[in-house]
Protein backbone atom coordinates (compact mmCIF):
# COMPACT_ATOMS: atom_id res chain seq x y z
CA MET A 1 -90.66 106.20 -143.12
CA THR A 2 -88.51 108.56 -145.09
CA LEU A 3 -87.44 110.41 -141.95
CA ARG A 4 -86.33 107.03 -140.32
CA LEU A 5 -84.40 106.02 -143.32
CA LEU A 6 -82.39 109.39 -143.39
CA ALA A 7 -81.76 109.10 -139.62
CA GLY A 8 -80.23 105.57 -140.00
CA VAL A 9 -78.10 106.64 -142.91
CA ALA A 10 -76.59 109.54 -140.99
CA ALA A 11 -75.87 107.32 -137.90
CA ALA A 12 -73.96 104.90 -140.27
CA VAL A 13 -71.87 107.65 -141.86
CA ALA A 14 -71.08 109.04 -138.34
CA ALA A 15 -69.97 105.49 -137.16
CA LEU A 16 -67.73 105.03 -140.25
CA GLY A 17 -66.06 108.46 -139.55
CA MET A 18 -65.26 107.63 -135.91
CA VAL A 19 -63.69 104.24 -137.01
CA GLY A 20 -61.54 106.04 -139.55
CA ALA A 21 -60.23 108.50 -136.91
CA CYS A 22 -59.37 105.70 -134.49
CA SER A 23 -57.36 103.74 -137.10
CA SER A 24 -55.26 106.76 -138.07
CA ALA A 25 -54.23 107.77 -134.51
CA GLY A 26 -50.76 106.57 -133.12
CA PRO A 27 -50.41 104.72 -129.99
CA ALA A 28 -51.37 106.57 -126.91
CA PRO A 29 -48.72 107.98 -124.61
CA GLY A 30 -47.44 105.59 -122.08
CA ARG A 31 -48.15 102.52 -124.29
CA SER A 32 -45.59 99.87 -125.35
CA GLY A 33 -44.73 101.96 -128.50
CA GLN A 34 -42.71 104.59 -126.56
CA PRO A 35 -38.71 103.84 -126.72
CA SER A 36 -37.40 102.68 -123.29
CA GLN A 37 -34.80 105.07 -121.32
CA ALA A 38 -32.15 102.35 -121.54
CA SER A 39 -32.15 102.20 -125.31
CA SER A 40 -32.10 106.08 -125.71
CA ALA A 41 -29.14 106.42 -123.34
CA ALA A 42 -27.05 104.14 -125.50
CA VAL A 43 -27.58 106.50 -128.58
CA SER A 44 -25.25 109.43 -129.03
CA ALA A 45 -26.85 112.78 -130.01
CA PRO A 46 -25.94 113.88 -133.44
CA GLY A 47 -22.63 115.81 -133.71
CA THR A 48 -21.24 114.31 -130.37
CA THR A 49 -18.84 111.50 -129.55
CA SER A 50 -19.57 108.86 -127.00
CA ALA A 51 -17.62 108.98 -123.77
CA ALA A 52 -15.89 105.73 -124.70
CA ALA A 53 -14.59 107.14 -128.02
CA THR A 54 -13.58 110.27 -126.42
CA ASP A 55 -11.29 108.38 -123.83
CA ALA A 56 -9.83 106.25 -126.46
CA THR A 57 -8.95 108.73 -129.20
CA PRO A 58 -7.13 112.14 -128.37
CA ALA A 59 -8.75 115.36 -129.60
CA PRO A 60 -7.26 116.72 -132.95
CA GLY A 61 -4.06 118.73 -132.45
CA THR A 62 -3.24 117.30 -128.97
CA THR A 63 -0.43 115.05 -127.74
CA PRO A 64 -1.38 111.84 -125.83
CA ALA A 65 -0.14 111.88 -122.25
CA PRO A 66 3.11 109.80 -121.64
CA SER A 67 2.59 106.24 -120.57
CA ALA A 68 2.80 105.68 -116.86
CA THR A 69 5.61 103.17 -117.54
CA ALA A 70 8.29 105.79 -118.23
CA SER A 71 11.97 104.77 -118.45
CA SER A 72 13.56 104.36 -115.06
CA ALA A 73 15.76 107.18 -114.04
CA PRO A 74 19.54 106.68 -114.42
CA SER A 75 20.96 104.95 -111.23
CA ALA A 76 23.13 106.89 -108.88
CA SER A 77 26.70 106.90 -109.07
CA SER A 78 28.30 103.69 -108.00
CA PRO A 79 30.24 103.94 -104.72
CA PRO A 80 33.99 103.56 -104.97
CA ALA A 81 35.08 99.98 -105.02
CA ALA A 82 36.08 98.41 -101.95
CA GLY A 83 39.70 98.50 -101.24
CA ALA A 84 40.08 101.67 -103.15
CA PRO A 85 43.14 103.67 -101.95
CA GLY A 86 42.21 106.61 -99.57
CA PRO A 87 44.16 109.57 -98.63
CA PRO A 88 47.67 108.81 -97.27
CA SER A 89 47.76 108.33 -93.32
CA ALA A 90 50.79 108.90 -91.08
CA THR A 91 50.01 105.62 -89.18
CA SER A 92 48.63 103.38 -92.11
CA SER A 93 51.85 101.41 -93.12
CA GLY A 94 54.41 99.25 -91.36
CA PRO A 95 54.00 96.89 -88.47
CA ARG A 96 52.06 97.86 -85.29
CA SER A 97 54.05 99.57 -82.48
CA THR A 98 54.63 97.48 -79.53
CA CYS A 99 54.48 100.09 -76.90
CA ARG A 100 51.40 99.85 -74.71
CA SER A 101 52.19 102.41 -71.96
CA LEU A 102 53.06 105.86 -73.37
CA MET A 103 52.97 109.38 -72.21
CA VAL A 104 52.56 111.92 -74.94
CA ARG A 105 53.68 115.58 -74.69
CA VAL A 106 52.93 118.43 -77.00
CA ILE A 107 55.47 121.22 -76.60
CA ARG A 108 55.06 124.36 -78.62
CA GLY A 109 58.15 125.65 -80.23
CA SER A 110 59.22 128.70 -82.00
CA ALA A 111 57.55 130.38 -85.00
CA ALA A 112 58.86 131.94 -88.24
CA PRO A 113 56.95 133.78 -91.09
CA GLY A 114 54.57 131.26 -92.52
CA PHE A 115 55.48 128.42 -90.09
CA GLU A 116 54.70 127.23 -86.62
CA PHE A 117 56.39 124.43 -84.91
CA ALA A 118 55.79 121.93 -81.98
CA ALA A 119 57.54 118.98 -80.65
CA LEU A 120 55.52 115.69 -80.08
CA GLN A 121 57.27 113.48 -77.45
CA PHE A 122 56.52 109.79 -76.70
CA VAL A 123 57.68 108.56 -73.25
CA ASN A 124 57.70 104.77 -72.56
CA THR A 125 56.14 104.50 -69.12
CA GLY A 126 56.14 100.76 -69.12
CA GLN A 127 58.54 98.33 -67.62
CA THR A 128 59.92 96.62 -70.83
CA ARG A 129 61.57 97.86 -73.96
CA CYS A 130 59.20 98.66 -76.86
CA VAL A 131 59.27 99.76 -80.37
CA LEU A 132 57.52 102.69 -82.24
CA TYR A 133 57.02 102.17 -85.92
CA GLY A 134 55.82 104.83 -88.44
CA TYR A 135 54.95 108.48 -87.94
CA PRO A 136 52.44 110.02 -85.46
CA GLN A 137 49.34 111.69 -86.72
CA VAL A 138 48.00 115.13 -85.74
CA ARG A 139 44.46 116.58 -86.01
CA LEU A 140 43.46 120.07 -85.05
CA LEU A 141 40.24 120.50 -83.24
CA SER A 142 37.90 123.50 -82.64
CA ALA A 143 35.08 123.26 -80.16
CA GLY A 144 35.48 119.50 -80.56
CA ALA A 145 35.24 119.24 -84.13
CA VAL A 146 38.12 118.41 -86.56
CA ILE A 147 39.23 121.47 -88.71
CA GLY A 148 41.58 121.17 -91.69
CA THR A 149 43.14 117.86 -92.74
CA PRO A 150 45.29 115.44 -90.61
CA SER A 151 49.13 115.70 -90.78
CA LEU A 152 51.12 113.77 -93.35
CA PRO A 153 54.73 112.39 -93.12
CA ALA A 154 57.35 114.99 -93.99
CA SER A 155 59.17 112.42 -95.87
CA THR A 156 59.02 108.85 -97.35
CA ALA A 157 61.79 107.57 -95.12
CA SER A 158 61.06 104.79 -92.77
CA SER A 159 60.54 105.71 -89.11
CA ARG A 160 61.29 103.24 -86.21
CA PHE A 161 62.46 103.99 -82.76
CA THR A 162 63.20 101.60 -79.86
CA LEU A 163 62.27 102.93 -76.45
CA ALA A 164 63.86 101.49 -73.17
CA PRO A 165 61.78 102.10 -70.15
CA GLY A 166 61.59 105.91 -69.41
CA ALA A 167 63.12 106.82 -72.79
CA VAL A 168 61.73 109.48 -75.02
CA ALA A 169 61.27 109.64 -78.77
CA GLU A 170 60.40 112.90 -80.56
CA SER A 171 58.75 114.04 -83.80
CA ARG A 172 58.74 117.64 -85.05
CA LEU A 173 55.38 119.10 -86.14
CA LYS A 174 55.63 121.80 -88.74
CA ASP A 175 52.45 123.81 -89.55
CA TYR A 176 52.53 125.85 -92.76
CA SER A 177 50.39 128.53 -91.35
CA SER A 178 50.41 131.17 -94.29
CA CYS A 179 46.80 130.33 -95.11
CA GLN A 180 43.81 132.01 -93.55
CA ALA A 181 42.26 128.91 -92.10
CA SER A 182 40.77 128.75 -88.57
CA LEU A 183 42.83 128.41 -85.43
CA SER A 184 42.44 125.33 -83.26
CA ASP A 185 41.85 125.20 -79.51
CA GLU A 186 43.01 121.57 -79.09
CA ILE A 187 45.64 119.42 -80.75
CA GLN A 188 44.92 115.74 -81.02
CA VAL A 189 47.93 113.32 -81.35
CA VAL A 190 47.75 109.57 -82.37
CA ALA A 191 50.86 107.69 -81.47
CA PRO A 192 52.83 106.05 -84.50
CA ASN A 193 50.94 102.85 -85.78
CA SER A 194 48.89 102.62 -82.52
CA SER A 195 45.52 103.32 -81.14
CA ILE A 196 46.87 105.45 -78.22
CA THR A 197 45.37 109.01 -78.62
CA ILE A 198 45.65 112.07 -76.56
CA THR A 199 44.24 115.57 -76.79
CA ARG A 200 45.99 118.56 -75.50
CA PRO A 201 45.11 122.29 -75.55
CA GLY A 202 46.99 124.04 -78.29
CA GLN A 203 46.53 126.82 -80.96
CA LEU A 204 47.64 126.14 -84.42
CA ARG A 205 46.35 127.37 -87.81
CA ALA A 206 44.57 124.52 -89.84
CA CYS A 207 46.70 124.86 -92.97
CA ARG A 208 49.24 122.01 -93.82
CA LEU A 209 50.63 119.80 -91.10
CA ARG A 210 53.69 117.74 -91.60
CA VAL A 211 55.42 115.47 -89.02
CA SER A 212 58.94 114.27 -89.09
CA ALA A 213 60.48 110.75 -88.37
CA LEU A 214 61.04 109.76 -84.74
CA ALA A 215 64.42 110.74 -83.25
CA THR A 216 66.02 111.40 -80.02
CA PRO A 217 65.11 114.99 -78.52
CA GLU A 218 67.77 117.42 -78.94
């Protein structure tokens, strides 16, 4: 009887010990007590800054990058206003010439130190009288390209010449050839205040070209 009583007491003590151990233990791994992965990802580790905060606030000692909307670059220089005066032209003033049928001659003349000369002759090959107004214009060409600057009138005097059929008007071309400019292989002549243009072989230095008023050939 005593032995049975002792055995029962021991069994009761053992049962109470097991109940206490179970109540003190935490939730088993994998149960609902473990923090979910989504909530742990939203929490920053101690001593670090979240990616959103890093993007919004520059690091100490650094300068924020300039805004994408920078001030626009200054506009390019405006082109010259329409109608602005250009370089003077030998055929730009006065009425248009009435000669429609012309033969143009370029006759090389003598030379002097620092100068070269040529005669520009305009022959009326038409059947009626016509009038040349203004000065001819000369351009020098090399391999088909213009070199130097076009000729200018030698004076400000008006130039007008009436041509009977077969008559000739002449303008003297003077080339100030003391510079070291290139030599031409062709001479292009535009009749006074006209669209008639001819090109003839000729060698002149592309320095300064001046043409005289129209006159009767000497």
